[in-house]
mmCIF file of all heavy atoms, coordinates in Angstrom:
data_MODEL
# 
_entry.id   MODEL 
# 
loop_
_atom_site.group_PDB 
_atom_site.id 
_atom_site.type_symbol 
_atom_site.label_atom_id 
_atom_site.label_alt_id 
_atom_site.label_comp_id 
_atom_site.label_asym_id 
_atom_site.label_entity_id 
_atom_site.label_seq_id 
_atom_site.pdbx_PDB_ins_code 
_atom_site.Cartn_x 
_atom_site.Cartn_y 
_atom_site.Cartn_z 
_atom_site.occupancy 
_atom_site.B_iso_or_equiv 
_atom_site.pdbx_formal_charge 
_atom_site.auth_seq_id 
_atom_site.auth_comp_id 
_atom_site.auth_asym_id 
_atom_site.auth_atom_id 
_atom_site.pdbx_PDB_model_num 
ATOM 1   N N   . ARG A 1 1  ? -129.356 -201.735 46.242 1.00 0.00 ? 1  ARG A N   1 
ATOM 2   C CA  . ARG A 1 1  ? -130.792 -201.963 45.952 1.00 0.00 ? 1  ARG A CA  1 
ATOM 3   C C   . ARG A 1 1  ? -131.600 -202.135 47.239 1.00 0.00 ? 1  ARG A C   1 
ATOM 4   O O   . ARG A 1 1  ? -132.707 -201.619 47.382 1.00 0.00 ? 1  ARG A O   1 
ATOM 5   C CB  . ARG A 1 1  ? -130.948 -203.200 45.066 1.00 0.00 ? 1  ARG A CB  1 
ATOM 6   C CG  . ARG A 1 1  ? -130.516 -202.951 43.630 1.00 0.00 ? 1  ARG A CG  1 
ATOM 7   C CD  . ARG A 1 1  ? -130.761 -204.206 42.811 1.00 0.00 ? 1  ARG A CD  1 
ATOM 8   N NE  . ARG A 1 1  ? -130.339 -203.991 41.428 1.00 0.00 ? 1  ARG A NE  1 
ATOM 9   C CZ  . ARG A 1 1  ? -130.401 -204.938 40.473 1.00 0.00 ? 1  ARG A CZ  1 
ATOM 10  N NH1 . ARG A 1 1  ? -130.870 -206.149 40.788 1.00 0.00 ? 1  ARG A NH1 1 
ATOM 11  N NH2 . ARG A 1 1  ? -129.993 -204.666 39.237 1.00 0.00 ? 1  ARG A NH2 1 
ATOM 12  N N   . LEU A 1 2  ? -131.060 -202.898 48.191 1.00 0.00 ? 2  LEU A N   1 
ATOM 13  C CA  . LEU A 1 2  ? -131.770 -203.108 49.464 1.00 0.00 ? 2  LEU A CA  1 
ATOM 14  C C   . LEU A 1 2  ? -131.946 -201.806 50.210 1.00 0.00 ? 2  LEU A C   1 
ATOM 15  O O   . LEU A 1 2  ? -133.003 -201.504 50.777 1.00 0.00 ? 2  LEU A O   1 
ATOM 16  C CB  . LEU A 1 2  ? -131.005 -204.124 50.321 1.00 0.00 ? 2  LEU A CB  1 
ATOM 17  C CG  . LEU A 1 2  ? -131.058 -205.575 49.824 1.00 0.00 ? 2  LEU A CG  1 
ATOM 18  C CD1 . LEU A 1 2  ? -130.130 -206.453 50.665 1.00 0.00 ? 2  LEU A CD1 1 
ATOM 19  C CD2 . LEU A 1 2  ? -132.471 -206.116 49.860 1.00 0.00 ? 2  LEU A CD2 1 
ATOM 20  N N   . LYS A 1 3  ? -130.854 -201.006 50.245 1.00 0.00 ? 3  LYS A N   1 
ATOM 21  C CA  . LYS A 1 3  ? -130.947 -199.725 50.943 1.00 0.00 ? 3  LYS A CA  1 
ATOM 22  C C   . LYS A 1 3  ? -131.954 -198.804 50.271 1.00 0.00 ? 3  LYS A C   1 
ATOM 23  O O   . LYS A 1 3  ? -132.704 -198.069 50.917 1.00 0.00 ? 3  LYS A O   1 
ATOM 24  C CB  . LYS A 1 3  ? -129.555 -199.085 50.957 1.00 0.00 ? 3  LYS A CB  1 
ATOM 25  C CG  . LYS A 1 3  ? -128.602 -199.753 51.935 1.00 0.00 ? 3  LYS A CG  1 
ATOM 26  C CD  . LYS A 1 3  ? -127.271 -199.004 51.966 1.00 0.00 ? 3  LYS A CD  1 
ATOM 27  C CE  . LYS A 1 3  ? -126.325 -199.628 52.967 1.00 0.00 ? 3  LYS A CE  1 
ATOM 28  N NZ  . LYS A 1 3  ? -125.034 -198.909 53.062 1.00 0.00 ? 3  LYS A NZ  1 
ATOM 29  N N   . PHE A 1 4  ? -132.009 -198.854 48.958 1.00 0.00 ? 4  PHE A N   1 
ATOM 30  C CA  . PHE A 1 4  ? -132.963 -198.010 48.231 1.00 0.00 ? 4  PHE A CA  1 
ATOM 31  C C   . PHE A 1 4  ? -134.408 -198.408 48.556 1.00 0.00 ? 4  PHE A C   1 
ATOM 32  O O   . PHE A 1 4  ? -135.281 -197.571 48.747 1.00 0.00 ? 4  PHE A O   1 
ATOM 33  C CB  . PHE A 1 4  ? -132.695 -198.146 46.722 1.00 0.00 ? 4  PHE A CB  1 
ATOM 34  C CG  . PHE A 1 4  ? -133.659 -197.348 45.884 1.00 0.00 ? 4  PHE A CG  1 
ATOM 35  C CD1 . PHE A 1 4  ? -133.536 -195.956 45.799 1.00 0.00 ? 4  PHE A CD1 1 
ATOM 36  C CD2 . PHE A 1 4  ? -134.686 -197.987 45.197 1.00 0.00 ? 4  PHE A CD2 1 
ATOM 37  C CE1 . PHE A 1 4  ? -134.424 -195.261 45.019 1.00 0.00 ? 4  PHE A CE1 1 
ATOM 38  C CE2 . PHE A 1 4  ? -135.563 -197.269 44.443 1.00 0.00 ? 4  PHE A CE2 1 
ATOM 39  C CZ  . PHE A 1 4  ? -135.434 -195.881 44.330 1.00 0.00 ? 4  PHE A CZ  1 
ATOM 40  N N   . ARG A 1 5  ? -134.688 -199.736 48.609 1.00 0.00 ? 5  ARG A N   1 
ATOM 41  C CA  . ARG A 1 5  ? -136.037 -200.203 48.947 1.00 0.00 ? 5  ARG A CA  1 
ATOM 42  C C   . ARG A 1 5  ? -136.424 -199.798 50.368 1.00 0.00 ? 5  ARG A C   1 
ATOM 43  O O   . ARG A 1 5  ? -137.577 -199.423 50.644 1.00 0.00 ? 5  ARG A O   1 
ATOM 44  C CB  . ARG A 1 5  ? -136.108 -201.719 48.798 1.00 0.00 ? 5  ARG A CB  1 
ATOM 45  C CG  . ARG A 1 5  ? -136.089 -202.177 47.342 1.00 0.00 ? 5  ARG A CG  1 
ATOM 46  C CD  . ARG A 1 5  ? -136.140 -203.683 47.268 1.00 0.00 ? 5  ARG A CD  1 
ATOM 47  N NE  . ARG A 1 5  ? -136.104 -204.128 45.880 1.00 0.00 ? 5  ARG A NE  1 
ATOM 48  C CZ  . ARG A 1 5  ? -136.067 -205.429 45.508 1.00 0.00 ? 5  ARG A CZ  1 
ATOM 49  N NH1 . ARG A 1 5  ? -136.057 -206.383 46.459 1.00 0.00 ? 5  ARG A NH1 1 
ATOM 50  N NH2 . ARG A 1 5  ? -136.022 -205.764 44.229 1.00 0.00 ? 5  ARG A NH2 1 
ATOM 51  N N   . GLN A 1 6  ? -135.483 -199.916 51.327 1.00 0.00 ? 6  GLN A N   1 
ATOM 52  C CA  . GLN A 1 6  ? -135.773 -199.532 52.708 1.00 0.00 ? 6  GLN A CA  1 
ATOM 53  C C   . GLN A 1 6  ? -136.121 -198.050 52.799 1.00 0.00 ? 6  GLN A C   1 
ATOM 54  O O   . GLN A 1 6  ? -137.039 -197.636 53.506 1.00 0.00 ? 6  GLN A O   1 
ATOM 55  C CB  . GLN A 1 6  ? -134.569 -199.865 53.603 1.00 0.00 ? 6  GLN A CB  1 
ATOM 56  C CG  . GLN A 1 6  ? -134.390 -201.363 53.817 1.00 0.00 ? 6  GLN A CG  1 
ATOM 57  C CD  . GLN A 1 6  ? -133.126 -201.660 54.612 1.00 0.00 ? 6  GLN A CD  1 
ATOM 58  O OE1 . GLN A 1 6  ? -132.338 -200.753 54.948 1.00 0.00 ? 6  GLN A OE1 1 
ATOM 59  N NE2 . GLN A 1 6  ? -132.898 -202.945 54.909 1.00 0.00 ? 6  GLN A NE2 1 
ATOM 60  N N   . LEU A 1 7  ? -135.344 -197.233 52.097 1.00 0.00 ? 7  LEU A N   1 
ATOM 61  C CA  . LEU A 1 7  ? -135.624 -195.790 52.117 1.00 0.00 ? 7  LEU A CA  1 
ATOM 62  C C   . LEU A 1 7  ? -136.986 -195.481 51.490 1.00 0.00 ? 7  LEU A C   1 
ATOM 63  O O   . LEU A 1 7  ? -137.722 -194.593 51.944 1.00 0.00 ? 7  LEU A O   1 
ATOM 64  C CB  . LEU A 1 7  ? -134.511 -195.069 51.350 1.00 0.00 ? 7  LEU A CB  1 
ATOM 65  C CG  . LEU A 1 7  ? -133.129 -195.040 52.039 1.00 0.00 ? 7  LEU A CG  1 
ATOM 66  C CD1 . LEU A 1 7  ? -132.084 -194.438 51.100 1.00 0.00 ? 7  LEU A CD1 1 
ATOM 67  C CD2 . LEU A 1 7  ? -133.185 -194.242 53.325 1.00 0.00 ? 7  LEU A CD2 1 
ATOM 68  N N   . LEU A 1 8  ? -137.316 -196.228 50.437 1.00 0.00 ? 8  LEU A N   1 
ATOM 69  C CA  . LEU A 1 8  ? -138.600 -196.004 49.776 1.00 0.00 ? 8  LEU A CA  1 
ATOM 70  C C   . LEU A 1 8  ? -139.771 -196.369 50.690 1.00 0.00 ? 8  LEU A C   1 
ATOM 71  O O   . LEU A 1 8  ? -140.768 -195.653 50.778 1.00 0.00 ? 8  LEU A O   1 
ATOM 72  C CB  . LEU A 1 8  ? -138.656 -196.841 48.477 1.00 0.00 ? 8  LEU A CB  1 
ATOM 73  C CG  . LEU A 1 8  ? -139.926 -196.655 47.625 1.00 0.00 ? 8  LEU A CG  1 
ATOM 74  C CD1 . LEU A 1 8  ? -140.062 -195.196 47.170 1.00 0.00 ? 8  LEU A CD1 1 
ATOM 75  C CD2 . LEU A 1 8  ? -139.878 -197.565 46.413 1.00 0.00 ? 8  LEU A CD2 1 
ATOM 76  N N   . LEU A 1 9  ? -139.645 -197.472 51.413 1.00 0.00 ? 9  LEU A N   1 
ATOM 77  C CA  . LEU A 1 9  ? -140.707 -197.894 52.347 1.00 0.00 ? 9  LEU A CA  1 
ATOM 78  C C   . LEU A 1 9  ? -140.856 -196.911 53.494 1.00 0.00 ? 9  LEU A C   1 
ATOM 79  O O   . LEU A 1 9  ? -141.972 -196.575 53.922 1.00 0.00 ? 9  LEU A O   1 
ATOM 80  C CB  . LEU A 1 9  ? -140.391 -199.292 52.885 1.00 0.00 ? 9  LEU A CB  1 
ATOM 81  C CG  . LEU A 1 9  ? -140.567 -200.450 51.892 1.00 0.00 ? 9  LEU A CG  1 
ATOM 82  C CD1 . LEU A 1 9  ? -140.050 -201.757 52.491 1.00 0.00 ? 9  LEU A CD1 1 
ATOM 83  C CD2 . LEU A 1 9  ? -142.016 -200.588 51.483 1.00 0.00 ? 9  LEU A CD2 1 
ATOM 84  N N   . LEU A 1 10 ? -139.724 -196.445 54.000 1.00 0.00 ? 10 LEU A N   1 
ATOM 85  C CA  . LEU A 1 10 ? -139.783 -195.479 55.106 1.00 0.00 ? 10 LEU A CA  1 
ATOM 86  C C   . LEU A 1 10 ? -140.440 -194.179 54.679 1.00 0.00 ? 10 LEU A C   1 
ATOM 87  O O   . LEU A 1 10 ? -141.155 -193.533 55.451 1.00 0.00 ? 10 LEU A O   1 
ATOM 88  C CB  . LEU A 1 10 ? -138.364 -195.220 55.624 1.00 0.00 ? 10 LEU A CB  1 
ATOM 89  C CG  . LEU A 1 10 ? -137.714 -196.375 56.402 1.00 0.00 ? 10 LEU A CG  1 
ATOM 90  C CD1 . LEU A 1 10 ? -136.251 -196.047 56.708 1.00 0.00 ? 10 LEU A CD1 1 
ATOM 91  C CD2 . LEU A 1 10 ? -138.469 -196.634 57.696 1.00 0.00 ? 10 LEU A CD2 1 
ATOM 92  N N   . SER A 1 11 ? -140.204 -193.789 53.441 1.00 0.00 ? 11 SER A N   1 
ATOM 93  C CA  . SER A 1 11 ? -140.797 -192.532 52.963 1.00 0.00 ? 11 SER A CA  1 
ATOM 94  C C   . SER A 1 11 ? -142.299 -192.674 52.687 1.00 0.00 ? 11 SER A C   1 
ATOM 95  O O   . SER A 1 11 ? -143.074 -191.726 52.810 1.00 0.00 ? 11 SER A O   1 
ATOM 96  C CB  . SER A 1 11 ? -140.074 -192.080 51.685 1.00 0.00 ? 11 SER A CB  1 
ATOM 97  O OG  . SER A 1 11 ? -140.230 -193.041 50.670 1.00 0.00 ? 11 SER A OG  1 
ATOM 98  N N   . LEU A 1 12 ? -142.770 -193.880 52.319 1.00 0.00 ? 12 LEU A N   1 
ATOM 99  C CA  . LEU A 1 12 ? -144.194 -194.099 52.033 1.00 0.00 ? 12 LEU A CA  1 
ATOM 100 C C   . LEU A 1 12 ? -145.026 -194.408 53.280 1.00 0.00 ? 12 LEU A C   1 
ATOM 101 O O   . LEU A 1 12 ? -146.254 -194.263 53.281 1.00 0.00 ? 12 LEU A O   1 
ATOM 102 C CB  . LEU A 1 12 ? -144.353 -195.256 51.033 1.00 0.00 ? 12 LEU A CB  1 
ATOM 103 C CG  . LEU A 1 12 ? -143.823 -194.988 49.616 1.00 0.00 ? 12 LEU A CG  1 
ATOM 104 C CD1 . LEU A 1 12 ? -143.940 -196.253 48.774 1.00 0.00 ? 12 LEU A CD1 1 
ATOM 105 C CD2 . LEU A 1 12 ? -144.594 -193.853 48.954 1.00 0.00 ? 12 LEU A CD2 1 
ATOM 106 N N   . LEU A 1 13 ? -144.408 -194.861 54.371 1.00 0.00 ? 13 LEU A N   1 
ATOM 107 C CA  . LEU A 1 13 ? -145.122 -195.270 55.568 1.00 0.00 ? 13 LEU A CA  1 
ATOM 108 C C   . LEU A 1 13 ? -145.954 -194.155 56.184 1.00 0.00 ? 13 LEU A C   1 
ATOM 109 O O   . LEU A 1 13 ? -147.141 -194.351 56.513 1.00 0.00 ? 13 LEU A O   1 
ATOM 110 C CB  . LEU A 1 13 ? -144.111 -195.845 56.573 1.00 0.00 ? 13 LEU A CB  1 
ATOM 111 C CG  . LEU A 1 13 ? -144.730 -196.391 57.862 1.00 0.00 ? 13 LEU A CG  1 
ATOM 112 C CD1 . LEU A 1 13 ? -145.708 -197.531 57.556 1.00 0.00 ? 13 LEU A CD1 1 
ATOM 113 C CD2 . LEU A 1 13 ? -143.626 -196.885 58.803 1.00 0.00 ? 13 LEU A CD2 1 
ATOM 114 N N   . PRO A 1 14 ? -145.455 -192.947 56.376 1.00 0.00 ? 14 PRO A N   1 
ATOM 115 C CA  . PRO A 1 14 ? -146.305 -191.866 56.944 1.00 0.00 ? 14 PRO A CA  1 
ATOM 116 C C   . PRO A 1 14 ? -147.521 -191.556 56.084 1.00 0.00 ? 14 PRO A C   1 
ATOM 117 O O   . PRO A 1 14 ? -148.589 -191.239 56.593 1.00 0.00 ? 14 PRO A O   1 
ATOM 118 C CB  . PRO A 1 14 ? -145.340 -190.687 56.992 1.00 0.00 ? 14 PRO A CB  1 
ATOM 119 C CG  . PRO A 1 14 ? -143.993 -191.292 57.012 1.00 0.00 ? 14 PRO A CG  1 
ATOM 120 C CD  . PRO A 1 14 ? -144.075 -192.514 56.175 1.00 0.00 ? 14 PRO A CD  1 
ATOM 121 N N   . LEU A 1 15 ? -147.314 -191.641 54.744 1.00 0.00 ? 15 LEU A N   1 
ATOM 122 C CA  . LEU A 1 15 ? -148.427 -191.348 53.848 1.00 0.00 ? 15 LEU A CA  1 
ATOM 123 C C   . LEU A 1 15 ? -149.541 -192.371 53.999 1.00 0.00 ? 15 LEU A C   1 
ATOM 124 O O   . LEU A 1 15 ? -150.726 -192.046 54.009 1.00 0.00 ? 15 LEU A O   1 
ATOM 125 C CB  . LEU A 1 15 ? -147.908 -191.335 52.405 1.00 0.00 ? 15 LEU A CB  1 
ATOM 126 C CG  . LEU A 1 15 ? -148.947 -190.993 51.324 1.00 0.00 ? 15 LEU A CG  1 
ATOM 127 C CD1 . LEU A 1 15 ? -149.536 -189.609 51.554 1.00 0.00 ? 15 LEU A CD1 1 
ATOM 128 C CD2 . LEU A 1 15 ? -148.301 -191.066 49.948 1.00 0.00 ? 15 LEU A CD2 1 
ATOM 129 N N   . LEU A 1 16 ? -149.177 -193.657 54.144 1.00 0.00 ? 16 LEU A N   1 
ATOM 130 C CA  . LEU A 1 16 ? -150.171 -194.712 54.333 1.00 0.00 ? 16 LEU A CA  1 
ATOM 131 C C   . LEU A 1 16 ? -150.909 -194.568 55.656 1.00 0.00 ? 16 LEU A C   1 
ATOM 132 O O   . LEU A 1 16 ? -152.119 -194.749 55.751 1.00 0.00 ? 16 LEU A O   1 
ATOM 133 C CB  . LEU A 1 16 ? -149.492 -196.090 54.251 1.00 0.00 ? 16 LEU A CB  1 
ATOM 134 C CG  . LEU A 1 16 ? -148.940 -196.485 52.871 1.00 0.00 ? 16 LEU A CG  1 
ATOM 135 C CD1 . LEU A 1 16 ? -148.134 -197.781 52.966 1.00 0.00 ? 16 LEU A CD1 1 
ATOM 136 C CD2 . LEU A 1 16 ? -150.078 -196.653 51.867 1.00 0.00 ? 16 LEU A CD2 1 
ATOM 137 N N   . MET A 1 17 ? -150.195 -194.225 56.709 1.00 0.00 ? 17 MET A N   1 
ATOM 138 C CA  . MET A 1 17 ? -150.826 -194.048 58.031 1.00 0.00 ? 17 MET A CA  1 
ATOM 139 C C   . MET A 1 17 ? -151.778 -192.865 58.033 1.00 0.00 ? 17 MET A C   1 
ATOM 140 O O   . MET A 1 17 ? -152.850 -192.884 58.639 1.00 0.00 ? 17 MET A O   1 
ATOM 141 C CB  . MET A 1 17 ? -149.734 -193.855 59.093 1.00 0.00 ? 17 MET A CB  1 
ATOM 142 C CG  . MET A 1 17 ? -148.897 -195.101 59.332 1.00 0.00 ? 17 MET A CG  1 
ATOM 143 S SD  . MET A 1 17 ? -147.589 -194.826 60.545 1.00 0.00 ? 17 MET A SD  1 
ATOM 144 C CE  . MET A 1 17 ? -148.570 -194.466 61.976 1.00 0.00 ? 17 MET A CE  1 
ATOM 145 N N   . PHE A 1 18 ? -151.445 -191.813 57.344 1.00 0.00 ? 18 PHE A N   1 
ATOM 146 C CA  . PHE A 1 18 ? -152.281 -190.607 57.274 1.00 0.00 ? 18 PHE A CA  1 
ATOM 147 C C   . PHE A 1 18 ? -153.607 -190.885 56.558 1.00 0.00 ? 18 PHE A C   1 
ATOM 148 O O   . PHE A 1 18 ? -154.668 -190.424 56.944 1.00 0.00 ? 18 PHE A O   1 
ATOM 149 C CB  . PHE A 1 18 ? -151.507 -189.506 56.549 1.00 0.00 ? 18 PHE A CB  1 
ATOM 150 C CG  . PHE A 1 18 ? -152.318 -188.255 56.370 1.00 0.00 ? 18 PHE A CG  1 
ATOM 151 C CD1 . PHE A 1 18 ? -152.460 -187.361 57.410 1.00 0.00 ? 18 PHE A CD1 1 
ATOM 152 C CD2 . PHE A 1 18 ? -152.945 -187.988 55.152 1.00 0.00 ? 18 PHE A CD2 1 
ATOM 153 C CE1 . PHE A 1 18 ? -153.194 -186.208 57.257 1.00 0.00 ? 18 PHE A CE1 1 
ATOM 154 C CE2 . PHE A 1 18 ? -153.674 -186.824 55.009 1.00 0.00 ? 18 PHE A CE2 1 
ATOM 155 C CZ  . PHE A 1 18 ? -153.810 -185.936 56.054 1.00 0.00 ? 18 PHE A CZ  1 
ATOM 156 N N   . ASN A 1 19 ? -153.554 -191.719 55.477 1.00 0.00 ? 19 ASN A N   1 
ATOM 157 C CA  . ASN A 1 19 ? -154.762 -192.024 54.706 1.00 0.00 ? 19 ASN A CA  1 
ATOM 158 C C   . ASN A 1 19 ? -155.695 -192.969 55.461 1.00 0.00 ? 19 ASN A C   1 
ATOM 159 O O   . ASN A 1 19 ? -156.910 -192.891 55.334 1.00 0.00 ? 19 ASN A O   1 
ATOM 160 C CB  . ASN A 1 19 ? -154.391 -192.637 53.361 1.00 0.00 ? 19 ASN A CB  1 
ATOM 161 C CG  . ASN A 1 19 ? -153.751 -191.596 52.436 1.00 0.00 ? 19 ASN A CG  1 
ATOM 162 O OD1 . ASN A 1 19 ? -153.987 -190.404 52.583 1.00 0.00 ? 19 ASN A OD1 1 
ATOM 163 N ND2 . ASN A 1 19 ? -152.914 -192.064 51.507 1.00 0.00 ? 19 ASN A ND2 1 
ATOM 164 N N   . CYS A 1 20 ? -155.167 -193.867 56.272 1.00 0.00 ? 20 CYS A N   1 
ATOM 165 C CA  . CYS A 1 20 ? -155.995 -194.864 56.958 1.00 0.00 ? 20 CYS A CA  1 
ATOM 166 C C   . CYS A 1 20 ? -156.628 -194.319 58.226 1.00 0.00 ? 20 CYS A C   1 
ATOM 167 O O   . CYS A 1 20 ? -157.749 -194.645 58.586 1.00 0.00 ? 20 CYS A O   1 
ATOM 168 C CB  . CYS A 1 20 ? -155.166 -196.097 57.309 1.00 0.00 ? 20 CYS A CB  1 
ATOM 169 S SG  . CYS A 1 20 ? -154.616 -196.994 55.849 1.00 0.00 ? 20 CYS A SG  1 
ATOM 170 N N   . SER A 1 21 ? -155.939 -193.488 58.944 1.00 0.00 ? 21 SER A N   1 
ATOM 171 C CA  . SER A 1 21 ? -156.393 -193.032 60.249 1.00 0.00 ? 21 SER A CA  1 
ATOM 172 C C   . SER A 1 21 ? -157.684 -192.236 60.200 1.00 0.00 ? 21 SER A C   1 
ATOM 173 O O   . SER A 1 21 ? -158.617 -192.519 60.927 1.00 0.00 ? 21 SER A O   1 
ATOM 174 C CB  . SER A 1 21 ? -155.285 -192.217 60.909 1.00 0.00 ? 21 SER A CB  1 
ATOM 175 O OG  . SER A 1 21 ? -155.695 -191.746 62.153 1.00 0.00 ? 21 SER A OG  1 
ATOM 176 N N   . PRO A 1 22 ? -157.899 -191.230 59.361 1.00 0.00 ? 22 PRO A N   1 
ATOM 177 C CA  . PRO A 1 22 ? -159.154 -190.467 59.339 1.00 0.00 ? 22 PRO A CA  1 
ATOM 178 C C   . PRO A 1 22 ? -160.364 -191.306 58.975 1.00 0.00 ? 22 PRO A C   1 
ATOM 179 O O   . PRO A 1 22 ? -161.440 -191.127 59.513 1.00 0.00 ? 22 PRO A O   1 
ATOM 180 C CB  . PRO A 1 22 ? -158.893 -189.395 58.287 1.00 0.00 ? 22 PRO A CB  1 
ATOM 181 C CG  . PRO A 1 22 ? -157.406 -189.281 58.205 1.00 0.00 ? 22 PRO A CG  1 
ATOM 182 C CD  . PRO A 1 22 ? -156.896 -190.655 58.465 1.00 0.00 ? 22 PRO A CD  1 
ATOM 183 N N   . GLN A 1 23 ? -160.214 -192.247 58.026 1.00 0.00 ? 23 GLN A N   1 
ATOM 184 C CA  . GLN A 1 23 ? -161.335 -193.074 57.598 1.00 0.00 ? 23 GLN A CA  1 
ATOM 185 C C   . GLN A 1 23 ? -161.839 -193.939 58.740 1.00 0.00 ? 23 GLN A C   1 
ATOM 186 O O   . GLN A 1 23 ? -163.018 -194.070 58.969 1.00 0.00 ? 23 GLN A O   1 
ATOM 187 C CB  . GLN A 1 23 ? -160.911 -193.936 56.418 1.00 0.00 ? 23 GLN A CB  1 
ATOM 188 C CG  . GLN A 1 23 ? -162.072 -194.770 55.848 1.00 0.00 ? 23 GLN A CG  1 
ATOM 189 C CD  . GLN A 1 23 ? -161.636 -195.549 54.641 1.00 0.00 ? 23 GLN A CD  1 
ATOM 190 O OE1 . GLN A 1 23 ? -160.471 -195.466 54.238 1.00 0.00 ? 23 GLN A OE1 1 
ATOM 191 N NE2 . GLN A 1 23 ? -162.546 -196.297 54.071 1.00 0.00 ? 23 GLN A NE2 1 
ATOM 192 N N   . GLN A 1 24 ? -160.908 -194.505 59.527 1.00 0.00 ? 24 GLN A N   1 
ATOM 193 C CA  . GLN A 1 24 ? -161.286 -195.342 60.652 1.00 0.00 ? 24 GLN A CA  1 
ATOM 194 C C   . GLN A 1 24 ? -161.972 -194.514 61.720 1.00 0.00 ? 24 GLN A C   1 
ATOM 195 O O   . GLN A 1 24 ? -162.954 -194.895 62.328 1.00 0.00 ? 24 GLN A O   1 
ATOM 196 C CB  . GLN A 1 24 ? -160.039 -196.036 61.209 1.00 0.00 ? 24 GLN A CB  1 
ATOM 197 C CG  . GLN A 1 24 ? -160.378 -197.018 62.342 1.00 0.00 ? 24 GLN A CG  1 
ATOM 198 C CD  . GLN A 1 24 ? -159.139 -197.720 62.830 1.00 0.00 ? 24 GLN A CD  1 
ATOM 199 O OE1 . GLN A 1 24 ? -158.034 -197.427 62.339 1.00 0.00 ? 24 GLN A OE1 1 
ATOM 200 N NE2 . GLN A 1 24 ? -159.292 -198.626 63.763 1.00 0.00 ? 24 GLN A NE2 1 
ATOM 201 N N   . LYS A 1 25 ? -161.506 -193.293 61.939 1.00 0.00 ? 25 LYS A N   1 
ATOM 202 C CA  . LYS A 1 25 ? -162.083 -192.411 62.942 1.00 0.00 ? 25 LYS A CA  1 
ATOM 203 C C   . LYS A 1 25 ? -163.499 -192.008 62.553 1.00 0.00 ? 25 LYS A C   1 
ATOM 204 O O   . LYS A 1 25 ? -164.399 -191.957 63.369 1.00 0.00 ? 25 LYS A O   1 
ATOM 205 C CB  . LYS A 1 25 ? -161.194 -191.191 63.092 1.00 0.00 ? 25 LYS A CB  1 
ATOM 206 C CG  . LYS A 1 25 ? -161.558 -190.309 64.271 1.00 0.00 ? 25 LYS A CG  1 
ATOM 207 C CD  . LYS A 1 25 ? -160.545 -189.209 64.415 1.00 0.00 ? 25 LYS A CD  1 
ATOM 208 C CE  . LYS A 1 25 ? -160.849 -188.357 65.630 1.00 0.00 ? 25 LYS A CE  1 
ATOM 209 N NZ  . LYS A 1 25 ? -159.892 -187.260 65.796 1.00 0.00 ? 25 LYS A NZ  1 
ATOM 210 N N   . THR A 1 26 ? -163.717 -191.746 61.258 1.00 0.00 ? 26 THR A N   1 
ATOM 211 C CA  . THR A 1 26 ? -165.040 -191.364 60.776 1.00 0.00 ? 26 THR A CA  1 
ATOM 212 C C   . THR A 1 26 ? -166.018 -192.511 60.916 1.00 0.00 ? 26 THR A C   1 
ATOM 213 O O   . THR A 1 26 ? -167.159 -192.333 61.306 1.00 0.00 ? 26 THR A O   1 
ATOM 214 C CB  . THR A 1 26 ? -164.953 -190.929 59.301 1.00 0.00 ? 26 THR A CB  1 
ATOM 215 O OG1 . THR A 1 26 ? -164.007 -189.875 59.190 1.00 0.00 ? 26 THR A OG1 1 
ATOM 216 C CG2 . THR A 1 26 ? -166.316 -190.462 58.802 1.00 0.00 ? 26 THR A CG2 1 
ATOM 217 N N   . GLU A 1 27 ? -165.614 -193.730 60.625 1.00 0.00 ? 27 GLU A N   1 
ATOM 218 C CA  . GLU A 1 27 ? -166.476 -194.889 60.718 1.00 0.00 ? 27 GLU A CA  1 
ATOM 219 C C   . GLU A 1 27 ? -166.880 -195.148 62.159 1.00 0.00 ? 27 GLU A C   1 
ATOM 220 O O   . GLU A 1 27 ? -167.985 -195.594 62.439 1.00 0.00 ? 27 GLU A O   1 
ATOM 221 C CB  . GLU A 1 27 ? -165.770 -196.116 60.148 1.00 0.00 ? 27 GLU A CB  1 
ATOM 222 C CG  . GLU A 1 27 ? -165.621 -196.057 58.621 1.00 0.00 ? 27 GLU A CG  1 
ATOM 223 C CD  . GLU A 1 27 ? -164.819 -197.221 58.084 1.00 0.00 ? 27 GLU A CD  1 
ATOM 224 O OE1 . GLU A 1 27 ? -164.293 -197.992 58.905 1.00 0.00 ? 27 GLU A OE1 1 
ATOM 225 O OE2 . GLU A 1 27 ? -164.718 -197.356 56.863 1.00 0.00 ? 27 GLU A OE2 1 
ATOM 226 N N   . GLU A 1 28 ? -166.053 -194.829 63.129 1.00 0.00 ? 28 GLU A N   1 
ATOM 227 C CA  . GLU A 1 28 ? -166.385 -195.025 64.528 1.00 0.00 ? 28 GLU A CA  1 
ATOM 228 C C   . GLU A 1 28 ? -167.412 -194.004 64.995 1.00 0.00 ? 28 GLU A C   1 
ATOM 229 O O   . GLU A 1 28 ? -168.310 -194.301 65.769 1.00 0.00 ? 28 GLU A O   1 
ATOM 230 C CB  . GLU A 1 28 ? -165.128 -194.927 65.394 1.00 0.00 ? 28 GLU A CB  1 
ATOM 231 C CG  . GLU A 1 28 ? -164.196 -196.111 65.198 1.00 0.00 ? 28 GLU A CG  1 
ATOM 232 C CD  . GLU A 1 28 ? -162.912 -195.949 65.985 1.00 0.00 ? 28 GLU A CD  1 
ATOM 233 O OE1 . GLU A 1 28 ? -162.759 -194.884 66.598 1.00 0.00 ? 28 GLU A OE1 1 
ATOM 234 O OE2 . GLU A 1 28 ? -162.092 -196.862 65.989 1.00 0.00 ? 28 GLU A OE2 1 
# 
């Protein structure tokens, strides 16, 4: 279960970074 959660977080991390970065750049 722990290994499954770690893999799930690692797979979602790039998606979260991609969504946040453009919005911050536009606001600047």
